[in-house]
Amino acid sequence: MARSPESEEAAAKTLPDEVAYPLRSPLLWLVGPAVVWLWVATILALLGSLKLVDPRFLGGWGWLAFGRISPAAFLSFVYGFGIPMGLSAALWSVTQGGRLSLPGGRRWFVASSFLWNLGLWIGITGVLAGESRSLSWLGLPTFSLPSLGLAYVLSAGWLVAAMVRRWEEISIAARFFLLGLVWIPWAGGAAALLLHDPAVRGVAIGSLEWWFNDGLLYAGLGAFAIGIVYLLSPLCLGRSAAFPGLGRRAFWIWAVFANLSGTAHLVGGPFPLWMISLGVSSRFLLWVAAVAIGIGFWEAARRRPA
């Protein structure tokens, strides 16, 4: 049976000591480096802003050219801060709301965090050295991807297995976390393989890039963000979002169409009309899902006890 809103509220407000203690080490290894990468991204973005005002600023340092530090700042934020914070929130949701322990999970998450940050450091260094592929969200060099992929599988695999075992019991927040956890490695692996396929050239790379960009934004990071909002609603509103059935329907709309909205950016390009129409329609349906989710939170806020 699905969990009731009352049980979700109780789970969100309390965390047993036997779960909280083993949770500290994995969370520190996920959140700590994420905060450091946020600072790195902020500093690099600030340097890029200064170079827009004065192009001669740090002009003698080729690895600090605007075309290198700007993508490095963006990739540091997305892969250094956004994804690890989503993983940490998913871990919190599984151990707190799902009432699951961490049998051996601590070692997996610590090893995963080490490999992830090592791979990202190698990737950002490669971007500053001029090894970027100039594909925005897909800009990390190829030689950094094995470490990132292995690290993600170590942590996300444990979380996905824990959620799937209790699919009927997990909350709406955990379902959105599961969407992000599954989509990121699937799409990232597919994009990496297709970029090395000799048949994928020219305009095909453009469609692949926008498919991955919007997918990571909405089906990956967006799903993490919605899950965090659902996770925090009992603490902020005093109760879970109203109309859980509406929230579950919104989840399925988001899961199906968040992956297809990227082709809306291809308007005016040499692409089939059906592809562009699919992207525009999918983006409209994402708005429908967002409104449905918002109605649940608005009703919960309206019913908030005085």
C-alpha atoms as a PDB file:
ATOM      1  CA  MET A   1       0.000   0.000   0.000  1.00  0.00           C
ATOM      2  CA  ALA A   2       1.064   3.585  -0.617  1.00  0.00           C
ATOM      3  CA  ARG A   3       2.066   5.535   2.425  1.00  0.00           C
ATOM      4  CA  SER A   4      -0.414   7.999   3.834  1.00  0.00           C
ATOM      5  CA  PRO A   5       0.383  11.717   4.066  1.00  0.00           C
ATOM      6  CA  GLU A   6       0.416  11.420   7.855  1.00  0.00           C
ATOM      7  CA  SER A   7       3.122   8.751   7.772  1.00  0.00           C
ATOM      8  CA  GLU A   8       5.172  10.859   5.360  1.00  0.00           C
ATOM      9  CA  GLU A   9       4.914  13.841   7.708  1.00  0.00           C
ATOM     10  CA  ALA A  10       6.046  11.773  10.672  1.00  0.00           C
ATOM     11  CA  ALA A  11       8.927  10.340   8.672  1.00  0.00           C
ATOM     12  CA  ALA A  12      10.048  13.787   7.563  1.00  0.00           C
ATOM     13  CA  LYS A  13       9.996  15.261  11.049  1.00  0.00           C
ATOM     14  CA  THR A  14      11.861  12.491  12.859  1.00  0.00           C
ATOM     15  CA  LEU A  15      14.975  10.506  12.070  1.00  0.00           C
ATOM     16  CA  PRO A  16      15.903   7.514  14.229  1.00  0.00           C
ATOM     17  CA  ASP A  17      19.383   7.494  15.731  1.00  0.00           C
ATOM     18  CA  GLU A  18      20.201   4.128  14.141  1.00  0.00           C
ATOM     19  CA  VAL A  19      19.592   5.708  10.732  1.00  0.00           C
ATOM     20  CA  ALA A  20      20.984   9.159  11.487  1.00  0.00           C
ATOM     21  CA  TYR A  21      24.413   8.000  12.694  1.00  0.00           C
ATOM     22  CA  PRO A  22      25.373   5.907   9.643  1.00  0.00           C
ATOM     23  CA  LEU A  23      23.954   8.640   7.434  1.00  0.00           C
ATOM     24  CA  ARG A  24      26.381  11.317   8.600  1.00  0.00           C
ATOM     25  CA  SER A  25      29.484  10.076   6.818  1.00  0.00           C
ATOM     26  CA  PRO A  26      27.894   9.606   3.354  1.00  0.00           C
ATOM     27  CA  LEU A  27      26.137  12.973   3.572  1.00  0.00           C
ATOM     28  CA  LEU A  28      29.349  14.744   4.560  1.00  0.00           C
ATOM     29  CA  TRP A  29      31.183  13.150   1.652  1.00  0.00           C
ATOM     30  CA  LEU A  30      28.445  14.255  -0.735  1.00  0.00           C
ATOM     31  CA  VAL A  31      27.561  17.711   0.586  1.00  0.00           C
ATOM     32  CA  GLY A  32      31.061  18.853   1.638  1.00  0.00           C
ATOM     33  CA  PRO A  33      32.723  18.597  -1.798  1.00  0.00           C
ATOM     34  CA  ALA A  34      29.530  19.936  -3.414  1.00  0.00           C
ATOM     35  CA  VAL A  35      29.873  23.162  -1.415  1.00  0.00           C
ATOM     36  CA  VAL A  36      33.538  23.407  -2.433  1.00  0.00           C
ATOM     37  CA  TRP A  37      32.596  22.996  -6.103  1.00  0.00           C
ATOM     38  CA  LEU A  38      29.941  25.668  -5.678  1.00  0.00           C
ATOM     39  CA  TRP A  39      32.650  28.064  -4.534  1.00  0.00           C
ATOM     40  CA  VAL A  40      34.872  27.025  -7.443  1.00  0.00           C
ATOM     41  CA  ALA A  41      32.026  27.660  -9.888  1.00  0.00           C
ATOM     42  CA  THR A  42      31.297  31.034  -8.279  1.00  0.00           C
ATOM     43  CA  ILE A  43      34.925  32.157  -8.474  1.00  0.00           C
ATOM     44  CA  LEU A  44      35.283  31.038 -12.087  1.00  0.00           C
ATOM     45  CA  ALA A  45      32.011  32.741 -13.028  1.00  0.00           C
ATOM     46  CA  LEU A  46      33.184  35.940 -11.315  1.00  0.00           C
ATOM     47  CA  LEU A  47      36.444  35.837 -13.272  1.00  0.00           C
ATOM     48  CA  GLY A  48      34.463  35.337 -16.472  1.00  0.00           C
ATOM     49  CA  SER A  49      32.274  38.347 -15.661  1.00  0.00           C
ATOM     50  CA  LEU A  50      35.351  40.487 -15.048  1.00  0.00           C
ATOM     51  CA  LYS A  51      36.832  39.408 -18.381  1.00  0.00           C
ATOM     52  CA  LEU A  52      33.630  40.485 -20.127  1.00  0.00           C
ATOM     53  CA  VAL A  53      34.138  43.970 -18.699  1.00  0.00           C
ATOM     54  CA  ASP A  54      37.897  44.065 -19.286  1.00  0.00           C
ATOM     55  CA  PRO A  55      39.131  41.440 -21.793  1.00  0.00           C
ATOM     56  CA  ARG A  56      42.732  42.293 -20.867  1.00  0.00           C
ATOM     57  CA  PHE A  57      42.178  41.048 -17.311  1.00  0.00           C
ATOM     58  CA  LEU A  58      44.438  38.001 -16.821  1.00  0.00           C
ATOM     59  CA  GLY A  59      45.174  38.222 -20.530  1.00  0.00           C
ATOM     60  CA  GLY A  60      48.578  36.597 -20.095  1.00  0.00           C
ATOM     61  CA  TRP A  61      47.055  33.377 -18.804  1.00  0.00           C
ATOM     62  CA  GLY A  62      45.735  31.333 -21.716  1.00  0.00           C
ATOM     63  CA  TRP A  63      44.044  28.756 -19.510  1.00  0.00           C
ATOM     64  CA  LEU A  64      41.980  31.558 -17.954  1.00  0.00           C
ATOM     65  CA  ALA A  65      40.540  32.757 -21.273  1.00  0.00           C
ATOM     66  CA  PHE A  66      36.808  33.468 -21.204  1.00  0.00           C
ATOM     67  CA  GLY A  67      36.096  30.573 -23.559  1.00  0.00           C
ATOM     68  CA  ARG A  68      37.589  28.201 -20.990  1.00  0.00           C
ATOM     69  CA  ILE A  69      36.612  29.537 -17.577  1.00  0.00           C
ATOM     70  CA  SER A  70      32.975  30.119 -18.579  1.00  0.00           C
ATOM     71  CA  PRO A  71      32.245  26.444 -19.429  1.00  0.00           C
ATOM     72  CA  ALA A  72      34.416  25.359 -16.500  1.00  0.00           C
ATOM     73  CA  ALA A  73      32.247  27.424 -14.140  1.00  0.00           C
ATOM     74  CA  PHE A  74      29.045  26.027 -15.611  1.00  0.00           C
ATOM     75  CA  LEU A  75      30.202  22.408 -15.541  1.00  0.00           C
ATOM     76  CA  SER A  76      31.536  22.813 -11.987  1.00  0.00           C
ATOM     77  CA  PHE A  77      28.114  23.990 -10.868  1.00  0.00           C
ATOM     78  CA  VAL A  78      26.117  21.279 -12.669  1.00  0.00           C
ATOM     79  CA  TYR A  79      28.331  18.259 -12.006  1.00  0.00           C
ATOM     80  CA  GLY A  80      30.102  19.428  -8.865  1.00  0.00           C
ATOM     81  CA  PHE A  81      27.147  20.919  -6.994  1.00  0.00           C
ATOM     82  CA  GLY A  82      23.822  20.055  -8.641  1.00  0.00           C
ATOM     83  CA  ILE A  83      24.123  16.290  -9.082  1.00  0.00           C
ATOM     84  CA  PRO A  84      25.838  15.542  -5.714  1.00  0.00           C
ATOM     85  CA  MET A  85      23.220  17.602  -3.878  1.00  0.00           C
ATOM     86  CA  GLY A  86      20.506  15.652  -5.672  1.00  0.00           C
ATOM     87  CA  LEU A  87      22.166  12.397  -4.617  1.00  0.00           C
ATOM     88  CA  SER A  88      22.410  13.559  -1.005  1.00  0.00           C
ATOM     89  CA  ALA A  89      18.717  14.510  -0.965  1.00  0.00           C
ATOM     90  CA  ALA A  90      17.812  11.131  -2.468  1.00  0.00           C
ATOM     91  CA  LEU A  91      19.897   9.390   0.196  1.00  0.00           C
ATOM     92  CA  TRP A  92      18.124  11.376   2.900  1.00  0.00           C
ATOM     93  CA  SER A  93      14.755  10.466   1.417  1.00  0.00           C
ATOM     94  CA  VAL A  94      15.542   6.756   1.239  1.00  0.00           C
ATOM     95  CA  THR A  95      16.912   6.421   4.757  1.00  0.00           C
ATOM     96  CA  GLN A  96      14.419   8.764   6.392  1.00  0.00           C
ATOM     97  CA  GLY A  97      11.129   8.327   4.583  1.00  0.00           C
ATOM     98  CA  GLY A  98      11.770   4.725   3.483  1.00  0.00           C
ATOM     99  CA  ARG A  99      13.114   3.773   6.928  1.00  0.00           C
ATOM    100  CA  LEU A 100      16.008   1.849   5.369  1.00  0.00           C
ATOM    101  CA  SER A 101      19.369   1.264   6.984  1.00  0.00           C
ATOM    102  CA  LEU A 102      22.705   1.461   5.159  1.00  0.00           C
ATOM    103  CA  PRO A 103      24.104  -2.088   5.125  1.00  0.00           C
ATOM    104  CA  GLY A 104      27.505  -1.497   3.574  1.00  0.00           C
ATOM    105  CA  GLY A 105      26.170   1.628   1.912  1.00  0.00           C
ATOM    106  CA  ARG A 106      28.536   3.980   3.687  1.00  0.00           C
ATOM    107  CA  ARG A 107      31.600   2.512   1.997  1.00  0.00           C
ATOM    108  CA  TRP A 108      29.907   2.692  -1.404  1.00  0.00           C
ATOM    109  CA  PHE A 109      29.037   6.364  -0.989  1.00  0.00           C
ATOM    110  CA  VAL A 110      32.475   7.338   0.327  1.00  0.00           C
ATOM    111  CA  ALA A 111      34.193   5.557  -2.570  1.00  0.00           C
ATOM    112  CA  SER A 112      31.696   7.063  -4.995  1.00  0.00           C
ATOM    113  CA  SER A 113      32.305  10.592  -3.725  1.00  0.00           C
ATOM    114  CA  PHE A 114      36.079  10.176  -4.019  1.00  0.00           C
ATOM    115  CA  LEU A 115      35.883   8.864  -7.586  1.00  0.00           C
ATOM    116  CA  TRP A 116      33.325  11.493  -8.616  1.00  0.00           C
ATOM    117  CA  ASN A 117      35.371  14.425  -7.374  1.00  0.00           C
ATOM    118  CA  LEU A 118      38.567  12.957  -8.813  1.00  0.00           C
ATOM    119  CA  GLY A 119      36.937  12.546 -12.220  1.00  0.00           C
ATOM    120  CA  LEU A 120      35.399  16.007 -12.090  1.00  0.00           C
ATOM    121  CA  TRP A 121      38.721  17.577 -11.089  1.00  0.00           C
ATOM    122  CA  ILE A 122      40.355  15.854 -14.062  1.00  0.00           C
ATOM    123  CA  GLY A 123      37.518  17.020 -16.309  1.00  0.00           C
ATOM    124  CA  ILE A 124      37.574  20.667 -15.203  1.00  0.00           C
ATOM    125  CA  THR A 125      41.368  20.705 -15.525  1.00  0.00           C
ATOM    126  CA  GLY A 126      40.939  19.378 -19.052  1.00  0.00           C
ATOM    127  CA  VAL A 127      38.396  22.094 -19.873  1.00  0.00           C
ATOM    128  CA  LEU A 128      40.811  24.791 -18.659  1.00  0.00           C
ATOM    129  CA  ALA A 129      43.537  23.138 -20.742  1.00  0.00           C
ATOM    130  CA  GLY A 130      41.390  23.441 -23.863  1.00  0.00           C
ATOM    131  CA  GLU A 131      40.114  19.851 -24.071  1.00  0.00           C
ATOM    132  CA  SER A 132      36.410  20.743 -23.889  1.00  0.00           C
ATOM    133  CA  ARG A 133      34.106  19.483 -26.638  1.00  0.00           C
ATOM    134  CA  SER A 134      32.231  22.823 -26.741  1.00  0.00           C
ATOM    135  CA  LEU A 135      28.860  21.159 -26.171  1.00  0.00           C
ATOM    136  CA  SER A 136      27.730  23.064 -23.045  1.00  0.00           C
ATOM    137  CA  TRP A 137      26.270  20.345 -20.779  1.00  0.00           C
ATOM    138  CA  LEU A 138      28.332  17.672 -22.587  1.00  0.00           C
ATOM    139  CA  GLY A 139      31.542  19.676 -22.368  1.00  0.00           C
ATOM    140  CA  LEU A 140      33.580  17.450 -20.050  1.00  0.00           C
ATOM    141  CA  PRO A 141      36.521  15.711 -21.778  1.00  0.00           C
ATOM    142  CA  THR A 142      36.131  12.052 -22.645  1.00  0.00           C
ATOM    143  CA  PHE A 143      39.006  10.924 -20.408  1.00  0.00           C
ATOM    144  CA  SER A 144      37.140  12.107 -17.294  1.00  0.00           C
ATOM    145  CA  LEU A 145      33.953  10.141 -18.007  1.00  0.00           C
ATOM    146  CA  PRO A 146      34.978   6.627 -16.817  1.00  0.00           C
ATOM    147  CA  SER A 147      35.632   7.834 -13.272  1.00  0.00           C
ATOM    148  CA  LEU A 148      32.410   9.859 -13.212  1.00  0.00           C
ATOM    149  CA  GLY A 149      30.362   6.978 -14.595  1.00  0.00           C
ATOM    150  CA  LEU A 150      31.729   4.434 -12.118  1.00  0.00           C
ATOM    151  CA  ALA A 151      31.228   6.828  -9.211  1.00  0.00           C
ATOM    152  CA  TYR A 152      27.628   7.506 -10.160  1.00  0.00           C
ATOM    153  CA  VAL A 153      26.805   3.813 -10.547  1.00  0.00           C
ATOM    154  CA  LEU A 154      28.213   3.042  -7.084  1.00  0.00           C
ATOM    155  CA  SER A 155      25.962   5.534  -5.300  1.00  0.00           C
ATOM    156  CA  ALA A 156      22.898   5.750  -7.536  1.00  0.00           C
ATOM    157  CA  GLY A 157      22.759   1.979  -7.995  1.00  0.00           C
ATOM    158  CA  TRP A 158      22.343   1.433  -4.260  1.00  0.00           C
ATOM    159  CA  LEU A 159      19.629   4.092  -4.051  1.00  0.00           C
ATOM    160  CA  VAL A 160      17.726   2.777  -7.072  1.00  0.00           C
ATOM    161  CA  ALA A 161      17.792  -0.786  -5.738  1.00  0.00           C
ATOM    162  CA  ALA A 162      16.499   0.394  -2.358  1.00  0.00           C
ATOM    163  CA  MET A 163      13.662   2.385  -3.956  1.00  0.00           C
ATOM    164  CA  VAL A 164      12.583  -0.291  -6.417  1.00  0.00           C
ATOM    165  CA  ARG A 165      12.281  -2.867  -3.637  1.00  0.00           C
ATOM    166  CA  ARG A 166       9.690  -0.659  -1.913  1.00  0.00           C
ATOM    167  CA  TRP A 167       8.093   1.058  -4.904  1.00  0.00           C
ATOM    168  CA  GLU A 168       4.554   0.887  -3.495  1.00  0.00           C
ATOM    169  CA  GLU A 169       5.692   2.385  -0.187  1.00  0.00           C
ATOM    170  CA  ILE A 170       7.946   5.224  -1.255  1.00  0.00           C
ATOM    171  CA  SER A 171       6.711   8.800  -1.250  1.00  0.00           C
ATOM    172  CA  ILE A 172       6.177  11.085  -4.238  1.00  0.00           C
ATOM    173  CA  ALA A 173       9.476  12.784  -3.402  1.00  0.00           C
ATOM    174  CA  ALA A 174      11.329   9.478  -3.696  1.00  0.00           C
ATOM    175  CA  ARG A 175       9.694   8.807  -7.072  1.00  0.00           C
ATOM    176  CA  PHE A 176      11.065  12.062  -8.456  1.00  0.00           C
ATOM    177  CA  PHE A 177      14.469  11.228  -7.003  1.00  0.00           C
ATOM    178  CA  LEU A 178      14.279   7.833  -8.698  1.00  0.00           C
ATOM    179  CA  LEU A 179      13.526   9.504 -12.034  1.00  0.00           C
ATOM    180  CA  GLY A 180      16.637  11.669 -11.773  1.00  0.00           C
ATOM    181  CA  LEU A 181      18.799   8.792 -10.562  1.00  0.00           C
ATOM    182  CA  VAL A 182      17.825   6.573 -13.499  1.00  0.00           C
ATOM    183  CA  TRP A 183      17.768   9.195 -16.246  1.00  0.00           C
ATOM    184  CA  ILE A 184      21.222  10.716 -15.700  1.00  0.00           C
ATOM    185  CA  PRO A 185      23.353   7.582 -16.283  1.00  0.00           C
ATOM    186  CA  TRP A 186      21.115   6.321 -19.086  1.00  0.00           C
ATOM    187  CA  ALA A 187      21.148   9.578 -21.049  1.00  0.00           C
ATOM    188  CA  GLY A 188      24.767  10.376 -20.212  1.00  0.00           C
ATOM    189  CA  GLY A 189      25.931   6.970 -21.399  1.00  0.00           C
ATOM    190  CA  ALA A 190      23.816   7.156 -24.555  1.00  0.00           C
ATOM    191  CA  ALA A 191      25.083  10.649 -25.392  1.00  0.00           C
ATOM    192  CA  ALA A 192      28.718   9.675 -24.802  1.00  0.00           C
ATOM    193  CA  LEU A 193      28.393   6.644 -27.089  1.00  0.00           C
ATOM    194  CA  LEU A 194      26.571   8.546 -29.833  1.00  0.00           C
ATOM    195  CA  LEU A 195      29.160  11.330 -29.843  1.00  0.00           C
ATOM    196  CA  HIS A 196      31.772   8.710 -30.745  1.00  0.00           C
ATOM    197  CA  ASP A 197      29.616   7.198 -33.491  1.00  0.00           C
ATOM    198  CA  PRO A 198      30.938   8.264 -36.930  1.00  0.00           C
ATOM    199  CA  ALA A 199      27.358   8.381 -38.224  1.00  0.00           C
ATOM    200  CA  VAL A 200      26.393  11.142 -35.759  1.00  0.00           C
ATOM    201  CA  ARG A 201      27.642  14.301 -37.437  1.00  0.00           C
ATOM    202  CA  GLY A 202      26.410  17.763 -38.373  1.00  0.00           C
ATOM    203  CA  VAL A 203      22.864  18.650 -37.353  1.00  0.00           C
ATOM    204  CA  ALA A 204      22.471  15.295 -35.585  1.00  0.00           C
ATOM    205  CA  ILE A 205      24.884  16.513 -32.925  1.00  0.00           C
ATOM    206  CA  GLY A 206      22.701  19.593 -32.403  1.00  0.00           C
ATOM    207  CA  SER A 207      19.595  17.519 -31.759  1.00  0.00           C
ATOM    208  CA  LEU A 208      21.555  15.173 -29.489  1.00  0.00           C
ATOM    209  CA  GLU A 209      22.938  18.100 -27.511  1.00  0.00           C
ATOM    210  CA  TRP A 210      19.554  19.712 -26.909  1.00  0.00           C
ATOM    211  CA  TRP A 211      17.975  16.368 -26.051  1.00  0.00           C
ATOM    212  CA  PHE A 212      20.602  15.843 -23.358  1.00  0.00           C
ATOM    213  CA  ASN A 213      20.644  19.473 -22.168  1.00  0.00           C
ATOM    214  CA  ASP A 214      16.931  19.756 -21.513  1.00  0.00           C
ATOM    215  CA  GLY A 215      16.738  16.193 -20.274  1.00  0.00           C
ATOM    216  CA  LEU A 216      19.411  16.808 -17.653  1.00  0.00           C
ATOM    217  CA  LEU A 217      17.750  20.094 -16.710  1.00  0.00           C
ATOM    218  CA  TYR A 218      14.208  18.736 -16.331  1.00  0.00           C
ATOM    219  CA  ALA A 219      14.394  14.936 -15.974  1.00  0.00           C
ATOM    220  CA  GLY A 220      17.609  15.065 -13.942  1.00  0.00           C
ATOM    221  CA  LEU A 221      18.155  18.220 -11.898  1.00  0.00           C
ATOM    222  CA  GLY A 222      14.509  19.290 -12.199  1.00  0.00           C
ATOM    223  CA  ALA A 223      13.296  15.961 -10.815  1.00  0.00           C
ATOM    224  CA  PHE A 224      15.785  16.290  -7.949  1.00  0.00           C
ATOM    225  CA  ALA A 225      14.509  19.803  -7.208  1.00  0.00           C
ATOM    226  CA  ILE A 226      10.850  18.722  -7.174  1.00  0.00           C
ATOM    227  CA  GLY A 227      11.746  15.811  -4.917  1.00  0.00           C
ATOM    228  CA  ILE A 228      13.485  18.179  -2.497  1.00  0.00           C
ATOM    229  CA  VAL A 229      10.414  20.436  -2.412  1.00  0.00           C
ATOM    230  CA  TYR A 230       8.188  17.450  -1.634  1.00  0.00           C
ATOM    231  CA  LEU A 231      10.681  16.287   0.988  1.00  0.00           C
ATOM    232  CA  LEU A 232      10.760  19.645   2.767  1.00  0.00           C
ATOM    233  CA  SER A 233       7.060  20.473   2.545  1.00  0.00           C
ATOM    234  CA  PRO A 234       6.143  18.793   5.885  1.00  0.00           C
ATOM    235  CA  LEU A 235       8.812  20.875   7.606  1.00  0.00           C
ATOM    236  CA  CYS A 236       7.856  24.166   5.938  1.00  0.00           C
ATOM    237  CA  LEU A 237       4.075  23.776   5.659  1.00  0.00           C
ATOM    238  CA  GLY A 238       3.411  21.504   8.612  1.00  0.00           C
ATOM    239  CA  ARG A 239       1.943  18.830   6.333  1.00  0.00           C
ATOM    240  CA  SER A 240       2.596  17.040   3.064  1.00  0.00           C
ATOM    241  CA  ALA A 241       1.291  18.339  -0.248  1.00  0.00           C
ATOM    242  CA  ALA A 242      -2.450  17.866  -0.699  1.00  0.00           C
ATOM    243  CA  PHE A 243      -3.977  15.648  -3.393  1.00  0.00           C
ATOM    244  CA  PRO A 244      -1.270  12.926  -3.468  1.00  0.00           C
ATOM    245  CA  GLY A 245      -3.082  11.237  -6.358  1.00  0.00           C
ATOM    246  CA  LEU A 246      -2.677  14.401  -8.421  1.00  0.00           C
ATOM    247  CA  GLY A 247       0.999  14.490  -7.490  1.00  0.00           C
ATOM    248  CA  ARG A 248       1.513  10.912  -8.665  1.00  0.00           C
ATOM    249  CA  ARG A 249      -0.146  11.695 -12.003  1.00  0.00           C
ATOM    250  CA  ALA A 250       2.063  14.769 -12.338  1.00  0.00           C
ATOM    251  CA  PHE A 251       5.068  12.546 -11.708  1.00  0.00           C
ATOM    252  CA  TRP A 252       4.195  10.272 -14.624  1.00  0.00           C
ATOM    253  CA  ILE A 253       3.629  13.244 -16.931  1.00  0.00           C
ATOM    254  CA  TRP A 254       7.010  14.628 -15.892  1.00  0.00           C
ATOM    255  CA  ALA A 255       8.727  11.255 -16.290  1.00  0.00           C
ATOM    256  CA  VAL A 256       7.414  10.740 -19.828  1.00  0.00           C
ATOM    257  CA  PHE A 257       7.736  14.225 -21.319  1.00  0.00           C
ATOM    258  CA  ALA A 258      10.681  15.851 -19.499  1.00  0.00           C
ATOM    259  CA  ASN A 259      12.979  13.841 -21.732  1.00  0.00           C
ATOM    260  CA  LEU A 260      11.370  15.114 -24.948  1.00  0.00           C
ATOM    261  CA  SER A 261      11.187  18.878 -24.465  1.00  0.00           C
ATOM    262  CA  GLY A 262      14.680  19.709 -25.735  1.00  0.00           C
ATOM    263  CA  THR A 263      13.753  19.682 -29.412  1.00  0.00           C
ATOM    264  CA  ALA A 264      11.666  22.815 -28.842  1.00  0.00           C
ATOM    265  CA  HIS A 265      14.970  24.709 -29.153  1.00  0.00           C
ATOM    266  CA  LEU A 266      15.391  23.512 -32.739  1.00  0.00           C
ATOM    267  CA  VAL A 267      12.736  25.833 -34.196  1.00  0.00           C
ATOM    268  CA  GLY A 268      14.023  27.288 -37.459  1.00  0.00           C
ATOM    269  CA  GLY A 269      16.684  24.617 -37.894  1.00  0.00           C
ATOM    270  CA  PRO A 270      16.984  21.875 -40.522  1.00  0.00           C
ATOM    271  CA  PHE A 271      14.969  19.371 -38.508  1.00  0.00           C
ATOM    272  CA  PRO A 272      11.703  17.492 -39.165  1.00  0.00           C
ATOM    273  CA  LEU A 273       8.589  19.364 -38.123  1.00  0.00           C
ATOM    274  CA  TRP A 274       7.368  16.444 -36.009  1.00  0.00           C
ATOM    275  CA  MET A 275      10.521  16.609 -33.894  1.00  0.00           C
ATOM    276  CA  ILE A 276      10.056  20.293 -33.125  1.00  0.00           C
ATOM    277  CA  SER A 277       6.321  19.838 -32.503  1.00  0.00           C
ATOM    278  CA  LEU A 278       7.068  17.009 -30.084  1.00  0.00           C
ATOM    279  CA  GLY A 279       9.384  19.267 -28.102  1.00  0.00           C
ATOM    280  CA  VAL A 280       6.887  22.137 -27.955  1.00  0.00           C
ATOM    281  CA  SER A 281       4.030  19.825 -26.929  1.00  0.00           C
ATOM    282  CA  SER A 282       6.183  18.152 -24.289  1.00  0.00           C
ATOM    283  CA  ARG A 283       7.131  21.502 -22.813  1.00  0.00           C
ATOM    284  CA  PHE A 284       3.448  22.457 -22.573  1.00  0.00           C
ATOM    285  CA  LEU A 285       2.703  19.187 -20.750  1.00  0.00           C
ATOM    286  CA  LEU A 286       5.545  19.918 -18.341  1.00  0.00           C
ATOM    287  CA  TRP A 287       3.741  23.148 -17.478  1.00  0.00           C
ATOM    288  CA  VAL A 288       0.586  21.109 -16.851  1.00  0.00           C
ATOM    289  CA  ALA A 289       2.509  18.849 -14.464  1.00  0.00           C
ATOM    290  CA  ALA A 290       4.082  21.859 -12.734  1.00  0.00           C
ATOM    291  CA  VAL A 291       0.653  23.446 -12.213  1.00  0.00           C
ATOM    292  CA  ALA A 292      -0.677  20.162 -10.784  1.00  0.00           C
ATOM    293  CA  ILE A 293       2.236  19.994  -8.358  1.00  0.00           C
ATOM    294  CA  GLY A 294       1.754  23.640  -7.424  1.00  0.00           C
ATOM    295  CA  ILE A 295      -1.942  23.061  -6.678  1.00  0.00           C
ATOM    296  CA  GLY A 296      -0.990  20.404  -4.146  1.00  0.00           C
ATOM    297  CA  PHE A 297       1.400  22.727  -2.327  1.00  0.00           C
ATOM    298  CA  TRP A 298      -0.985  25.681  -2.493  1.00  0.00           C
ATOM    299  CA  GLU A 299      -3.765  23.601  -0.949  1.00  0.00           C
ATOM    300  CA  ALA A 300      -1.374  22.330   1.732  1.00  0.00           C
ATOM    301  CA  ALA A 301      -0.384  25.906   2.567  1.00  0.00           C
ATOM    302  CA  ARG A 302      -4.037  26.957   2.673  1.00  0.00           C
ATOM    303  CA  ARG A 303      -4.842  24.164   5.125  1.00  0.00           C
ATOM    304  CA  ARG A 304      -1.786  24.888   7.241  1.00  0.00           C
ATOM    305  CA  PRO A 305      -2.704  24.873  10.936  1.00  0.00           C
ATOM    306  CA  ALA A 306      -2.661  28.284  12.570  1.00  0.00           C
END
